Amino acid sequence: MFDELSFIQSLLVGLLFVWSAFVRSGLGFGGAALTLPLLLLVHDDPLLFLPVIAVHLLIFSSWTVNRAAGSVNWPYLRRLLLILLIPKLAGVYGLLSLPASAMTAFVYLVTLVYAVSYVLNLHWRGGRRFDLPILCLGGYMSGASLIGAPLIVAVATRQLAPAQLRTTLFVLWFILVAVKMAAFIVAGVDLQLQAALLLLLPAMAGHWLGERLHRRMLAGGQTQLIRWIGGGLIVVSLVGLGRLMTDYLL
C-alpha cells in the first residue's frame, strides 16, 4: 500500500507521475512504458502502480478528447478497435501461451525498426502489408501487459494526420484501459483510488507541461512531429530492451 512507502519513496513516486503525465500528454503514448520501470525501482510491485496509471489515463485522455473531439478520426478509430478487440481480450485473459520474454523482445525490436525509419524519414516499400499482424500483436501485448502501445503507435503514425494522431490515440487508450480496469475489478485488484487522487496534482503539472511540448511539436510540421514520435519510440524500445537484458543477466 502507498501508506507503507517512506517519505523519500513517496517524493520519488510523485516526481515520476509528473514525468509519466508529461510524456503521455506530449507524445500521446509512452507514459506507462517509460515510467513503470522507474517506479519499480522505488517499490517492486507493479499492481501498486498500474491501477493509478490507468485511472490517470482515463481522466486525462477524456479531458484532452473533450477539448479537441473534432480532431478524432472516428472511422480509423473504429477500424483499429475491430482489429484490436479480439487480440486485446486474448491478452487480458491469457488465452495465448507465448514465451513472455521472447515476445516482449520482439515487440521492442519491431518498434525500433519503425522508429528509426521515422527519425531518418525513410519510406520502406511494402510496409502496409505488415500493418495488420503488427496491430494484432500490439493488441495482444496491450492486453497481456503495458507494451502494446509502441506497436500501435508505430502503425498509426503513418496512417493518421498529425493533428488527428494524439486525440485519436487517446480515445483508443481510454477504451483499452477501460477493458484493463474491468479485468482488475473482476480479479479483485485494489484500484488504489485514494492514491490516484493524491497523485492527481503532480500528474496535472506533468500534463500541462506535456501540452506545451505537444503544441511545439505540431508547430514544427508533419515531418518534425513524426521524427519526435520516432525518437520517443526509440527511447521506449531501448528502455524495454535494457530492462529485459538486466532481468536476464540478474
Foldseek 3Di string as FASTA:
>chain_A
DVVPADPVLVVVVLLLLLVLLLCCLQLLDDSCLVRVVVNCVSPNDSLVCVLLSLVLLLVVLVVVCVVPVVLAPVVVLVVLCVLQVVLLVCLQVVVDDDPPLVLLLVLLVVLLVLLVCLQVVHDDPPPVVCLSVLSSSLSNCVNNDPRSVSSVLSNVLVVGFLSHRNSNSSVVSNVSSVVVVVSCVVVVRDSPVVVSVVSVVSSVNSNVNSNVSNVVQVVVDSSSSSNVNSVSSNVSSVVSVVVSVVVVVD
